[in-house]
C-alpha atoms as a PDB file:
ATOM      1  CA  MET A   1     -20.164  22.487  11.552  1.00  0.00           C
ATOM      2  CA  LEU A   2     -22.591  20.721  13.894  1.00  0.00           C
ATOM      3  CA  ALA A   3     -24.048  18.620  11.107  1.00  0.00           C
ATOM      4  CA  ALA A   4     -20.545  17.560  10.157  1.00  0.00           C
ATOM      5  CA  ARG A   5     -19.861  16.357  13.698  1.00  0.00           C
ATOM      6  CA  LEU A   6     -23.043  14.323  13.754  1.00  0.00           C
ATOM      7  CA  SER A   7     -22.341  12.847  10.348  1.00  0.00           C
ATOM      8  CA  VAL A   8     -18.833  11.849  11.431  1.00  0.00           C
ATOM      9  CA  LEU A   9     -20.235  10.220  14.555  1.00  0.00           C
ATOM     10  CA  GLY A  10     -22.822   8.340  12.503  1.00  0.00           C
ATOM     11  CA  ALA A  11     -20.159   7.175  10.105  1.00  0.00           C
ATOM     12  CA  SER A  12     -17.852   6.136  12.929  1.00  0.00           C
ATOM     13  CA  CYS A  13     -18.460   2.433  12.629  1.00  0.00           C
ATOM     14  CA  SER A  14     -14.850   1.724  13.515  1.00  0.00           C
ATOM     15  CA  ARG A  15     -12.927   2.579  16.677  1.00  0.00           C
ATOM     16  CA  GLY A  16     -10.550   4.780  14.756  1.00  0.00           C
ATOM     17  CA  PHE A  17     -13.366   7.011  13.490  1.00  0.00           C
ATOM     18  CA  LEU A  18     -14.845   7.120  16.979  1.00  0.00           C
ATOM     19  CA  GLN A  19     -11.585   8.327  18.454  1.00  0.00           C
ATOM     20  CA  VAL A  20     -11.383  11.124  15.848  1.00  0.00           C
ATOM     21  CA  SER A  21     -14.920  12.190  16.740  1.00  0.00           C
ATOM     22  CA  ARG A  22     -13.872  12.464  20.400  1.00  0.00           C
ATOM     23  CA  ALA A  23     -11.157  14.945  19.565  1.00  0.00           C
ATOM     24  CA  ASN A  24     -13.341  16.972  17.198  1.00  0.00           C
ATOM     25  CA  THR A  25     -16.048  17.440  19.832  1.00  0.00           C
ATOM     26  CA  GLN A  26     -14.056  20.137  21.689  1.00  0.00           C
ATOM     27  CA  VAL A  27     -11.198  21.149  19.400  1.00  0.00           C
ATOM     28  CA  LEU A  28     -12.993  22.089  16.217  1.00  0.00           C
ATOM     29  CA  ARG A  29     -15.472  24.384  17.890  1.00  0.00           C
ATOM     30  CA  GLY A  30     -12.587  26.610  18.931  1.00  0.00           C
ATOM     31  CA  TYR A  31     -10.841  26.371  15.569  1.00  0.00           C
ATOM     32  CA  ARG A  32     -13.202  28.614  13.644  1.00  0.00           C
ATOM     33  CA  GLU A  33     -13.075  31.171  16.437  1.00  0.00           C
ATOM     34  CA  ALA A  34      -9.319  31.319  16.960  1.00  0.00           C
ATOM     35  CA  GLY A  35      -8.633  33.418  13.858  1.00  0.00           C
ATOM     36  CA  ARG A  36     -10.500  36.365  15.325  1.00  0.00           C
ATOM     37  CA  GLY A  37      -8.116  36.564  18.248  1.00  0.00           C
ATOM     38  CA  PHE A  38      -5.382  38.083  16.094  1.00  0.00           C
ATOM     39  CA  THR A  39      -7.453  41.219  15.325  1.00  0.00           C
ATOM     40  CA  ARG A  40      -9.461  41.583  18.514  1.00  0.00           C
ATOM     41  CA  ARG A  41     -10.074  39.735  21.751  1.00  0.00           C
ATOM     42  CA  SER A  42      -9.992  36.010  21.234  1.00  0.00           C
ATOM     43  CA  LYS A  43     -13.442  34.485  20.994  1.00  0.00           C
ATOM     44  CA  ILE A  44     -12.171  31.485  22.907  1.00  0.00           C
ATOM     45  CA  ARG A  45     -11.222  33.720  25.825  1.00  0.00           C
ATOM     46  CA  GLU A  46     -14.559  35.483  25.531  1.00  0.00           C
ATOM     47  CA  VAL A  47     -16.507  32.239  25.861  1.00  0.00           C
ATOM     48  CA  GLU A  48     -14.411  31.177  28.836  1.00  0.00           C
ATOM     49  CA  PHE A  49     -14.887  34.623  30.394  1.00  0.00           C
ATOM     50  CA  GLN A  50     -18.658  34.454  29.902  1.00  0.00           C
ATOM     51  CA  ALA A  51     -18.760  31.077  31.604  1.00  0.00           C
ATOM     52  CA  ALA A  52     -16.680  32.404  34.495  1.00  0.00           C
ATOM     53  CA  GLU A  53     -18.888  35.482  34.822  1.00  0.00           C
ATOM     54  CA  ALA A  54     -21.996  33.330  34.845  1.00  0.00           C
ATOM     55  CA  THR A  55     -20.428  31.329  37.648  1.00  0.00           C
ATOM     56  CA  LYS A  56     -19.648  34.486  39.608  1.00  0.00           C
ATOM     57  CA  ALA A  57     -23.229  35.707  39.163  1.00  0.00           C
ATOM     58  CA  ALA A  58     -24.401  32.603  41.002  1.00  0.00           C
ATOM     59  CA  LYS A  59     -21.786  32.929  43.737  1.00  0.00           C
ATOM     60  CA  GLY A  60     -22.971  31.327  46.935  1.00  0.00           C
ATOM     61  CA  LYS A  61     -25.065  28.813  45.042  1.00  0.00           C
ATOM     62  CA  ILE A  62     -24.158  25.402  43.723  1.00  0.00           C
ATOM     63  CA  GLY A  63     -24.540  25.760  39.971  1.00  0.00           C
ATOM     64  CA  PRO A  64     -23.601  23.592  37.000  1.00  0.00           C
ATOM     65  CA  MET A  65     -19.947  24.642  37.045  1.00  0.00           C
ATOM     66  CA  GLU A  66     -19.623  23.946  40.749  1.00  0.00           C
ATOM     67  CA  VAL A  67     -21.190  20.528  40.263  1.00  0.00           C
ATOM     68  CA  GLY A  68     -18.665  19.809  37.512  1.00  0.00           C
ATOM     69  CA  GLN A  69     -15.784  20.936  39.694  1.00  0.00           C
ATOM     70  CA  ILE A  70     -17.001  18.770  42.551  1.00  0.00           C
ATOM     71  CA  ALA A  71     -17.295  15.800  40.191  1.00  0.00           C
ATOM     72  CA  VAL A  72     -13.739  16.291  38.914  1.00  0.00           C
ATOM     73  CA  ALA A  73     -12.449  16.687  42.471  1.00  0.00           C
ATOM     74  CA  GLY A  74     -14.230  13.483  43.445  1.00  0.00           C
ATOM     75  CA  GLY A  75     -12.748  11.724  40.429  1.00  0.00           C
ATOM     76  CA  ALA A  76      -9.286  12.910  41.443  1.00  0.00           C
ATOM     77  CA  VAL A  77      -9.772  11.566  44.963  1.00  0.00           C
ATOM     78  CA  VAL A  78     -10.968   8.221  43.589  1.00  0.00           C
ATOM     79  CA  GLY A  79      -7.993   8.129  41.227  1.00  0.00           C
ATOM     80  CA  LEU A  80      -5.509   8.782  44.017  1.00  0.00           C
ATOM     81  CA  GLY A  81      -7.193   6.140  46.136  1.00  0.00           C
ATOM     82  CA  ALA A  82      -7.026   3.621  43.307  1.00  0.00           C
ATOM     83  CA  LEU A  83      -3.372   4.493  42.711  1.00  0.00           C
ATOM     84  CA  CYS A  84      -2.561   3.834  46.359  1.00  0.00           C
ATOM     85  CA  TYR A  85      -4.702   0.700  46.553  1.00  0.00           C
ATOM     86  CA  TYR A  86      -3.433  -1.011  43.420  1.00  0.00           C
ATOM     87  CA  GLY A  87       0.054   0.503  43.572  1.00  0.00           C
ATOM     88  CA  LEU A  88       0.643  -0.941  47.038  1.00  0.00           C
ATOM     89  CA  GLY A  89      -0.503  -4.365  45.864  1.00  0.00           C
ATOM     90  CA  LEU A  90      -3.550  -4.520  48.130  1.00  0.00           C
ATOM     91  CA  SER A  91      -5.675  -6.178  45.446  1.00  0.00           C
ATOM     92  CA  ASN A  92      -5.884  -9.970  45.533  1.00  0.00           C
ATOM     93  CA  GLU A  93      -5.995 -10.224  41.735  1.00  0.00           C
ATOM     94  CA  PRO A  94      -2.840  -9.892  39.625  1.00  0.00           C
ATOM     95  CA  GLY A  95      -2.399  -7.003  37.227  1.00  0.00           C
ATOM     96  CA  ALA A  96      -0.233  -6.436  34.195  1.00  0.00           C
ATOM     97  CA  ILE A  97       2.649  -5.264  36.360  1.00  0.00           C
ATOM     98  CA  ASP A  98       2.646  -8.642  38.135  1.00  0.00           C
ATOM     99  CA  ARG A  99       3.050 -10.472  34.816  1.00  0.00           C
ATOM    100  CA  VAL A 100       5.901  -8.370  33.482  1.00  0.00           C
ATOM    101  CA  VAL A 101       8.504 -10.823  34.750  1.00  0.00           C
ATOM    102  CA  VAL A 102       6.955 -13.668  32.734  1.00  0.00           C
ATOM    103  CA  TRP A 103       6.302 -11.725  29.538  1.00  0.00           C
ATOM    104  CA  PRO A 104       8.149 -13.099  26.514  1.00  0.00           C
ATOM    105  CA  GLN A 105      10.383 -10.682  24.674  1.00  0.00           C
ATOM    106  CA  HIS A 106       7.906 -10.045  21.839  1.00  0.00           C
ATOM    107  CA  VAL A 107       5.283  -8.763  24.317  1.00  0.00           C
ATOM    108  CA  ARG A 108       7.832  -6.410  25.864  1.00  0.00           C
ATOM    109  CA  ASP A 109       8.747  -5.164  22.393  1.00  0.00           C
ATOM    110  CA  ARG A 110       5.092  -4.532  21.532  1.00  0.00           C
ATOM    111  CA  ILE A 111       4.478  -2.466  24.658  1.00  0.00           C
ATOM    112  CA  ARG A 112       7.702  -0.538  24.107  1.00  0.00           C
ATOM    113  CA  ASP A 113       6.889   0.222  20.461  1.00  0.00           C
ATOM    114  CA  THR A 114       3.337   1.300  21.293  1.00  0.00           C
ATOM    115  CA  TYR A 115       4.433   3.883  23.830  1.00  0.00           C
ATOM    116  CA  MET A 116       7.315   5.036  21.660  1.00  0.00           C
ATOM    117  CA  TYR A 117       4.775   5.833  18.938  1.00  0.00           C
ATOM    118  CA  PHE A 118       2.570   7.491  21.557  1.00  0.00           C
ATOM    119  CA  GLY A 119       5.380   9.789  22.665  1.00  0.00           C
ATOM    120  CA  ALA A 120       6.426  10.500  19.092  1.00  0.00           C
ATOM    121  CA  SER A 121       2.806  11.271  18.125  1.00  0.00           C
ATOM    122  CA  CYS A 122       2.513  13.821  20.919  1.00  0.00           C
ATOM    123  CA  ALA A 123       5.836  15.402  19.943  1.00  0.00           C
ATOM    124  CA  VAL A 124       4.932  15.663  16.247  1.00  0.00           C
ATOM    125  CA  ALA A 125       1.453  17.040  17.000  1.00  0.00           C
ATOM    126  CA  ALA A 126       2.874  19.634  19.418  1.00  0.00           C
ATOM    127  CA  THR A 127       5.551  20.687  16.935  1.00  0.00           C
ATOM    128  CA  SER A 128       2.956  21.013  14.192  1.00  0.00           C
ATOM    129  CA  ALA A 129       0.647  23.074  16.409  1.00  0.00           C
ATOM    130  CA  VAL A 130       3.427  25.482  17.439  1.00  0.00           C
ATOM    131  CA  ALA A 131       4.648  25.863  13.849  1.00  0.00           C
ATOM    132  CA  VAL A 132       1.154  26.620  12.569  1.00  0.00           C
ATOM    133  CA  PHE A 133       0.321  29.056  15.356  1.00  0.00           C
ATOM    134  CA  ARG A 134       3.547  31.029  14.990  1.00  0.00           C
ATOM    135  CA  SER A 135       3.653  31.220  11.207  1.00  0.00           C
ATOM    136  CA  PRO A 136       2.063  34.077   9.232  1.00  0.00           C
ATOM    137  CA  ILE A 137       0.485  31.496   6.961  1.00  0.00           C
ATOM    138  CA  GLY A 138      -1.164  29.942   9.993  1.00  0.00           C
ATOM    139  CA  HIS A 139      -2.612  33.317  11.007  1.00  0.00           C
ATOM    140  CA  ARG A 140      -4.048  33.807   7.543  1.00  0.00           C
ATOM    141  CA  PHE A 141      -5.428  30.291   7.663  1.00  0.00           C
ATOM    142  CA  PHE A 142      -7.176  31.028  10.980  1.00  0.00           C
ATOM    143  CA  ALA A 143      -8.675  34.179   9.485  1.00  0.00           C
ATOM    144  CA  LEU A 144      -9.885  32.175   6.486  1.00  0.00           C
ATOM    145  CA  CYS A 145     -11.466  29.630   8.814  1.00  0.00           C
ATOM    146  CA  SER A 146     -13.243  32.389  10.723  1.00  0.00           C
ATOM    147  CA  ARG A 147     -14.747  33.688   7.459  1.00  0.00           C
ATOM    148  CA  HIS A 148     -15.820  30.237   6.292  1.00  0.00           C
ATOM    149  CA  PRO A 149     -16.439  28.276   9.518  1.00  0.00           C
ATOM    150  CA  ILE A 150     -18.625  25.517   8.104  1.00  0.00           C
ATOM    151  CA  MET A 151     -16.484  24.718   5.071  1.00  0.00           C
ATOM    152  CA  SER A 152     -13.246  24.897   7.057  1.00  0.00           C
ATOM    153  CA  THR A 153     -14.621  22.624   9.761  1.00  0.00           C
ATOM    154  CA  VAL A 154     -15.850  20.071   7.237  1.00  0.00           C
ATOM    155  CA  GLY A 155     -12.469  20.200   5.537  1.00  0.00           C
ATOM    156  CA  LEU A 156     -10.588  19.632   8.788  1.00  0.00           C
ATOM    157  CA  LEU A 157     -12.911  16.802   9.735  1.00  0.00           C
ATOM    158  CA  ALA A 158     -12.428  15.224   6.324  1.00  0.00           C
ATOM    159  CA  GLY A 159      -8.662  15.557   6.652  1.00  0.00           C
ATOM    160  CA  LEU A 160      -8.582  13.963  10.099  1.00  0.00           C
ATOM    161  CA  VAL A 161     -10.894  11.134   9.136  1.00  0.00           C
ATOM    162  CA  ALA A 162      -9.172  10.498   5.816  1.00  0.00           C
ATOM    163  CA  THR A 163      -5.652  10.393   7.244  1.00  0.00           C
ATOM    164  CA  GLY A 164      -6.738   8.406  10.305  1.00  0.00           C
ATOM    165  CA  SER A 165      -8.699   5.799   8.374  1.00  0.00           C
ATOM    166  CA  ALA A 166      -6.009   5.452   5.722  1.00  0.00           C
ATOM    167  CA  MET A 167      -3.362   5.029   8.402  1.00  0.00           C
ATOM    168  CA  SER A 168      -5.425   2.408  10.236  1.00  0.00           C
ATOM    169  CA  SER A 169      -6.212   0.431   7.101  1.00  0.00           C
ATOM    170  CA  ILE A 170      -2.600  -0.163   6.020  1.00  0.00           C
ATOM    171  CA  PRO A 171      -0.921  -3.229   7.589  1.00  0.00           C
ATOM    172  CA  TYR A 172       2.002  -2.422   9.847  1.00  0.00           C
ATOM    173  CA  SER A 173       5.550  -3.275   8.903  1.00  0.00           C
ATOM    174  CA  PRO A 174       8.725  -2.196  10.741  1.00  0.00           C
ATOM    175  CA  GLY A 175      10.809   0.568   9.257  1.00  0.00           C
ATOM    176  CA  ILE A 176       9.751   3.499   7.114  1.00  0.00           C
ATOM    177  CA  GLY A 177       6.804   2.855   4.841  1.00  0.00           C
ATOM    178  CA  ALA A 178       3.435   4.144   3.728  1.00  0.00           C
ATOM    179  CA  LYS A 179       1.861   3.595   7.145  1.00  0.00           C
ATOM    180  CA  GLN A 180       4.565   5.600   8.892  1.00  0.00           C
ATOM    181  CA  MET A 181       4.155   8.444   6.383  1.00  0.00           C
ATOM    182  CA  LEU A 182       0.398   8.535   6.939  1.00  0.00           C
ATOM    183  CA  TRP A 183       1.003   8.416  10.682  1.00  0.00           C
ATOM    184  CA  LEU A 184       3.149  11.554  10.435  1.00  0.00           C
ATOM    185  CA  LEU A 185       0.507  13.214   8.271  1.00  0.00           C
ATOM    186  CA  ASN A 186      -2.231  12.373  10.769  1.00  0.00           C
ATOM    187  CA  CYS A 187      -0.159  13.740  13.649  1.00  0.00           C
ATOM    188  CA  GLY A 188       0.353  16.920  11.648  1.00  0.00           C
ATOM    189  CA  MET A 189      -3.400  17.198  11.154  1.00  0.00           C
ATOM    190  CA  ILE A 190      -3.982  16.781  14.891  1.00  0.00           C
ATOM    191  CA  GLY A 191      -1.488  19.583  15.515  1.00  0.00           C
ATOM    192  CA  LEU A 192      -3.272  21.757  12.957  1.00  0.00           C
ATOM    193  CA  VAL A 193      -6.568  21.267  14.786  1.00  0.00           C
ATOM    194  CA  VAL A 194      -5.054  21.829  18.251  1.00  0.00           C
ATOM    195  CA  ALA A 195      -3.140  24.975  17.203  1.00  0.00           C
ATOM    196  CA  PRO A 196      -5.901  27.466  18.222  1.00  0.00           C
ATOM    197  CA  ILE A 197      -5.331  26.467  21.870  1.00  0.00           C
ATOM    198  CA  GLY A 198      -2.341  28.799  21.591  1.00  0.00           C
ATOM    199  CA  ALA A 199      -4.817  31.701  21.640  1.00  0.00           C
ATOM    200  CA  LEU A 200      -5.302  30.973  25.332  1.00  0.00           C
ATOM    201  CA  GLY A 201      -1.657  31.800  25.957  1.00  0.00           C
ATOM    202  CA  GLY A 202       1.607  29.893  25.901  1.00  0.00           C
ATOM    203  CA  ALA A 203       1.833  29.686  29.699  1.00  0.00           C
ATOM    204  CA  ILE A 204      -1.581  28.048  29.898  1.00  0.00           C
ATOM    205  CA  ALA A 205      -0.716  25.593  27.122  1.00  0.00           C
ATOM    206  CA  ILE A 206       2.537  24.573  28.838  1.00  0.00           C
ATOM    207  CA  ARG A 207       0.846  24.145  32.213  1.00  0.00           C
ATOM    208  CA  ALA A 208      -1.921  22.130  30.591  1.00  0.00           C
ATOM    209  CA  ALA A 209       0.670  19.900  28.943  1.00  0.00           C
ATOM    210  CA  TRP A 210       2.394  19.240  32.285  1.00  0.00           C
ATOM    211  CA  TYR A 211      -0.893  18.520  34.026  1.00  0.00           C
ATOM    212  CA  THR A 212      -1.924  16.235  31.189  1.00  0.00           C
ATOM    213  CA  ALA A 213       1.345  14.338  31.506  1.00  0.00           C
ATOM    214  CA  GLY A 214       0.699  13.879  35.215  1.00  0.00           C
ATOM    215  CA  VAL A 215      -2.858  12.651  34.610  1.00  0.00           C
ATOM    216  CA  ILE A 216      -1.715  10.203  31.946  1.00  0.00           C
ATOM    217  CA  GLY A 217       1.124   8.905  34.097  1.00  0.00           C
ATOM    218  CA  GLY A 218      -1.093   8.384  37.133  1.00  0.00           C
ATOM    219  CA  LEU A 219      -3.967   6.753  35.237  1.00  0.00           C
ATOM    220  CA  SER A 220      -1.605   4.522  33.261  1.00  0.00           C
ATOM    221  CA  THR A 221      -0.066   3.347  36.528  1.00  0.00           C
ATOM    222  CA  VAL A 222      -3.517   2.548  37.897  1.00  0.00           C
ATOM    223  CA  ALA A 223      -4.392   0.627  34.717  1.00  0.00           C
ATOM    224  CA  VAL A 224      -1.292  -1.571  34.764  1.00  0.00           C
ATOM    225  CA  CYS A 225      -1.514  -2.249  38.505  1.00  0.00           C
ATOM    226  CA  ALA A 226      -5.241  -3.039  38.512  1.00  0.00           C
ATOM    227  CA  PRO A 227      -6.590  -6.494  37.584  1.00  0.00           C
ATOM    228  CA  SER A 228      -6.287  -7.045  33.844  1.00  0.00           C
ATOM    229  CA  ASP A 229     -10.015  -6.988  33.087  1.00  0.00           C
ATOM    230  CA  LYS A 230     -10.977  -4.310  35.639  1.00  0.00           C
ATOM    231  CA  PHE A 231     -11.535  -1.571  33.070  1.00  0.00           C
ATOM    232  CA  LEU A 232     -12.061  -3.658  29.928  1.00  0.00           C
ATOM    233  CA  ASN A 233     -15.682  -4.143  31.003  1.00  0.00           C
ATOM    234  CA  TRP A 234     -16.348  -0.410  30.763  1.00  0.00           C
ATOM    235  CA  ALA A 235     -16.854  -0.332  26.989  1.00  0.00           C
ATOM    236  CA  GLY A 236     -20.648  -0.036  27.161  1.00  0.00           C
ATOM    237  CA  PRO A 237     -20.861   2.699  29.822  1.00  0.00           C
ATOM    238  CA  LEU A 238     -18.053   4.623  28.135  1.00  0.00           C
ATOM    239  CA  GLY A 239     -19.904   4.542  24.827  1.00  0.00           C
ATOM    240  CA  ILE A 240     -23.042   5.893  26.489  1.00  0.00           C
ATOM    241  CA  GLY A 241     -21.019   8.588  28.228  1.00  0.00           C
ATOM    242  CA  LEU A 242     -19.382   9.550  24.941  1.00  0.00           C
ATOM    243  CA  GLY A 243     -22.801  10.065  23.403  1.00  0.00           C
ATOM    244  CA  GLY A 244     -23.873  12.249  26.328  1.00  0.00           C
ATOM    245  CA  VAL A 245     -20.751  14.412  26.172  1.00  0.00           C
ATOM    246  CA  LEU A 246     -21.121  14.746  22.409  1.00  0.00           C
ATOM    247  CA  VAL A 247     -24.733  15.906  22.737  1.00  0.00           C
ATOM    248  CA  ALA A 248     -23.715  18.364  25.462  1.00  0.00           C
ATOM    249  CA  SER A 249     -20.933  19.739  23.272  1.00  0.00           C
ATOM    250  CA  LEU A 250     -23.285  20.178  20.339  1.00  0.00           C
ATOM    251  CA  GLY A 251     -25.877  21.879  22.532  1.00  0.00           C
ATOM    252  CA  SER A 252     -23.363  24.214  24.153  1.00  0.00           C
ATOM    253  CA  ALA A 253     -22.302  25.338  20.669  1.00  0.00           C
ATOM    254  CA  PHE A 254     -25.855  26.596  20.085  1.00  0.00           C
ATOM    255  CA  LEU A 255     -26.560  28.093  23.507  1.00  0.00           C
ATOM    256  CA  PRO A 256     -24.531  30.858  25.196  1.00  0.00           C
ATOM    257  CA  PRO A 257     -22.778  29.877  28.435  1.00  0.00           C
ATOM    258  CA  THR A 258     -24.617  32.732  30.219  1.00  0.00           C
ATOM    259  CA  SER A 259     -27.931  30.854  30.036  1.00  0.00           C
ATOM    260  CA  ALA A 260     -28.791  28.187  32.600  1.00  0.00           C
ATOM    261  CA  LEU A 261     -29.126  25.401  30.037  1.00  0.00           C
ATOM    262  CA  GLY A 262     -26.085  26.538  28.073  1.00  0.00           C
ATOM    263  CA  LEU A 263     -23.966  26.656  31.221  1.00  0.00           C
ATOM    264  CA  SER A 264     -25.161  23.185  32.230  1.00  0.00           C
ATOM    265  CA  LEU A 265     -24.299  21.724  28.844  1.00  0.00           C
ATOM    266  CA  TYR A 266     -20.939  23.487  28.872  1.00  0.00           C
ATOM    267  CA  SER A 267     -20.183  22.045  32.312  1.00  0.00           C
ATOM    268  CA  ILE A 268     -21.060  18.532  31.115  1.00  0.00           C
ATOM    269  CA  SER A 269     -18.927  18.969  28.022  1.00  0.00           C
ATOM    270  CA  LEU A 270     -15.959  20.373  29.954  1.00  0.00           C
ATOM    271  CA  TYR A 271     -15.859  18.555  33.293  1.00  0.00           C
ATOM    272  CA  GLY A 272     -17.844  15.500  32.211  1.00  0.00           C
ATOM    273  CA  GLY A 273     -15.605  15.160  29.180  1.00  0.00           C
ATOM    274  CA  LEU A 274     -12.500  15.324  31.352  1.00  0.00           C
ATOM    275  CA  LEU A 275     -13.789  12.484  33.511  1.00  0.00           C
ATOM    276  CA  LEU A 276     -14.945  10.508  30.483  1.00  0.00           C
ATOM    277  CA  PHE A 277     -11.657  10.604  28.611  1.00  0.00           C
ATOM    278  CA  SER A 278      -9.749   9.840  31.798  1.00  0.00           C
ATOM    279  CA  ALA A 279     -11.848   6.695  32.046  1.00  0.00           C
ATOM    280  CA  PHE A 280     -11.216   5.991  28.369  1.00  0.00           C
ATOM    281  CA  LEU A 281      -7.490   6.191  29.098  1.00  0.00           C
ATOM    282  CA  LEU A 282      -7.830   3.444  31.719  1.00  0.00           C
ATOM    283  CA  TYR A 283      -9.773   1.327  29.254  1.00  0.00           C
ATOM    284  CA  ASP A 284      -7.426   1.904  26.328  1.00  0.00           C
ATOM    285  CA  THR A 285      -4.307   1.251  28.418  1.00  0.00           C
ATOM    286  CA  GLN A 286      -5.557  -2.158  29.508  1.00  0.00           C
ATOM    287  CA  LYS A 287      -6.697  -2.845  25.955  1.00  0.00           C
ATOM    288  CA  VAL A 288      -3.187  -2.158  24.658  1.00  0.00           C
ATOM    289  CA  VAL A 289      -1.704  -4.556  27.216  1.00  0.00           C
ATOM    290  CA  ARG A 290      -4.284  -7.244  26.447  1.00  0.00           C
ATOM    291  CA  LYS A 291      -3.693  -6.906  22.698  1.00  0.00           C
ATOM    292  CA  ALA A 292       0.078  -7.100  23.134  1.00  0.00           C
ATOM    293  CA  GLU A 293      -0.256 -10.256  25.225  1.00  0.00           C
ATOM    294  CA  THR A 294      -2.798 -12.114  23.091  1.00  0.00           C
ATOM    295  CA  HIS A 295      -1.977 -11.131  19.505  1.00  0.00           C
ATOM    296  CA  PRO A 296      -0.621 -14.221  17.691  1.00  0.00           C
ATOM    297  CA  ASN A 297       3.107 -14.279  17.114  1.00  0.00           C
ATOM    298  CA  MET A 298       3.445 -16.691  14.220  1.00  0.00           C
ATOM    299  CA  TRP A 299       4.110 -16.759  10.523  1.00  0.00           C
ATOM    300  CA  GLY A 300       1.155 -15.912   8.271  1.00  0.00           C
ATOM    301  CA  VAL A 301      -0.587 -13.663  10.810  1.00  0.00           C
ATOM    302  CA  ALA A 302      -0.620  -9.886  10.459  1.00  0.00           C
ATOM    303  CA  PRO A 303       1.968  -8.410  12.840  1.00  0.00           C
ATOM    304  CA  TYR A 304       0.989  -6.453  15.929  1.00  0.00           C
ATOM    305  CA  ASP A 305       0.281  -2.822  15.006  1.00  0.00           C
ATOM    306  CA  PRO A 306       1.729  -0.370  17.581  1.00  0.00           C
ATOM    307  CA  ILE A 307       0.640   2.651  15.522  1.00  0.00           C
ATOM    308  CA  ASN A 308      -3.057   1.791  15.648  1.00  0.00           C
ATOM    309  CA  ALA A 309      -2.791   0.802  19.307  1.00  0.00           C
ATOM    310  CA  SER A 310      -1.111   4.082  20.281  1.00  0.00           C
ATOM    311  CA  HIS A 311      -3.583   6.170  18.264  1.00  0.00           C
ATOM    312  CA  HIS A 312      -6.364   5.456  20.765  1.00  0.00           C
ATOM    313  CA  ILE A 313      -4.255   6.709  23.670  1.00  0.00           C
ATOM    314  CA  VAL A 314      -3.163   9.767  21.683  1.00  0.00           C
ATOM    315  CA  MET A 315      -6.774  10.824  21.135  1.00  0.00           C
ATOM    316  CA  ASP A 316      -7.535  10.363  24.823  1.00  0.00           C
ATOM    317  CA  ALA A 317      -4.531  12.522  25.720  1.00  0.00           C
ATOM    318  CA  VAL A 318      -5.534  15.237  23.237  1.00  0.00           C
ATOM    319  CA  ASN A 319      -9.030  15.485  24.699  1.00  0.00           C
ATOM    320  CA  ILE A 320      -7.712  15.608  28.267  1.00  0.00           C
ATOM    321  CA  PHE A 321      -5.229  18.329  27.288  1.00  0.00           C
ATOM    322  CA  ILE A 322      -7.906  20.453  25.617  1.00  0.00           C
ATOM    323  CA  ARG A 323     -10.188  20.382  28.636  1.00  0.00           C
ATOM    324  CA  ILE A 324      -7.414  21.086  31.128  1.00  0.00           C
ATOM    325  CA  ALA A 325      -6.359  24.074  29.011  1.00  0.00           C
ATOM    326  CA  GLN A 326      -9.921  25.395  29.017  1.00  0.00           C
ATOM    327  CA  ILE A 327     -10.199  24.971  32.783  1.00  0.00           C
ATOM    328  CA  LEU A 328      -6.893  26.783  33.295  1.00  0.00           C
ATOM    329  CA  ALA A 329      -8.077  29.582  30.996  1.00  0.00           C
ATOM    330  CA  MET A 330     -10.987  30.086  33.383  1.00  0.00           C
ATOM    331  CA  GLY A 331      -8.547  30.399  36.262  1.00  0.00           C
ATOM    332  CA  GLY A 332      -8.766  26.773  37.312  1.00  0.00           C
ATOM    333  CA  GLY A 333     -12.258  27.354  38.623  1.00  0.00           C
ATOM    334  CA  GLY A 334     -11.551  30.815  40.017  1.00  0.00           C
ATOM    335  CA  ARG A 335     -10.449  33.625  37.701  1.00  0.00           C
ATOM    336  CA  ARG A 336      -7.590  35.783  38.925  1.00  0.00           C
ATOM    337  CA  LYS A 337      -8.253  39.467  39.426  1.00  0.00           C
END
């Protein structure tokens, strides 16, 4: 399982592969464990409980989990400040929202189509996840994955990468075609991988979805109100951060969260990953706007591809959702008694 993640990351020479690797970092580790929750206590809940107990054992001290919570709280404060600053127009540089009135119709159509595909992708993935989790076949599939964790993980990775790369490689054309069919298939695969989150409980999943929607709405507003190149310069630091979160996720899969090092790596993977993919959302939002504005609109040039553009934001949203669900499963930082 771990070797498969590293091999996917090494093979991720394109942005589409890199986005798939982001999602796999947290989701697939829980996939092999979710099947056990239907016969005894969910392993996902057990890991979250161990992390919470380790935090309680160090009550009164500032440990790795507390540092992560402080970092996320600081990020939230910075985000709210940025929303107020750019939303009130206090910046001297124009943002995308200031250029909306001068956008030609084809740019408006590109932005609209991109976010329509984003919303449809989330809906299809959620529907797929619920259908898999509630079906008897899905339960048997989880049990099969728990018996063969390495092979099942490699198979899921191969399915995600294959459908994602095939979808990205086909030129876009309006209407229903091969690209749209592969897009639906890829969304179904994402739902299949996310389905084990249901083991945390339906109430937690719904709350996580609402919180994720709020995070995406707020960060998207910041991105469109901020100067157009404010976050486009973050590509290098974000890539370095992605590598750090990936290493932390791999390490936390080896080490129990009750150990000091394991808890530190888990905190980096959970809270650091939440901050990282929130930053990626800012970057990807401005990248979508820049692409919609600058892509040539003339005969003989490949048309603007809203499916590929929305795929980046979908993967950011999936990773944010997963981490918020895990934090809520731990009681939002303080488990209820």
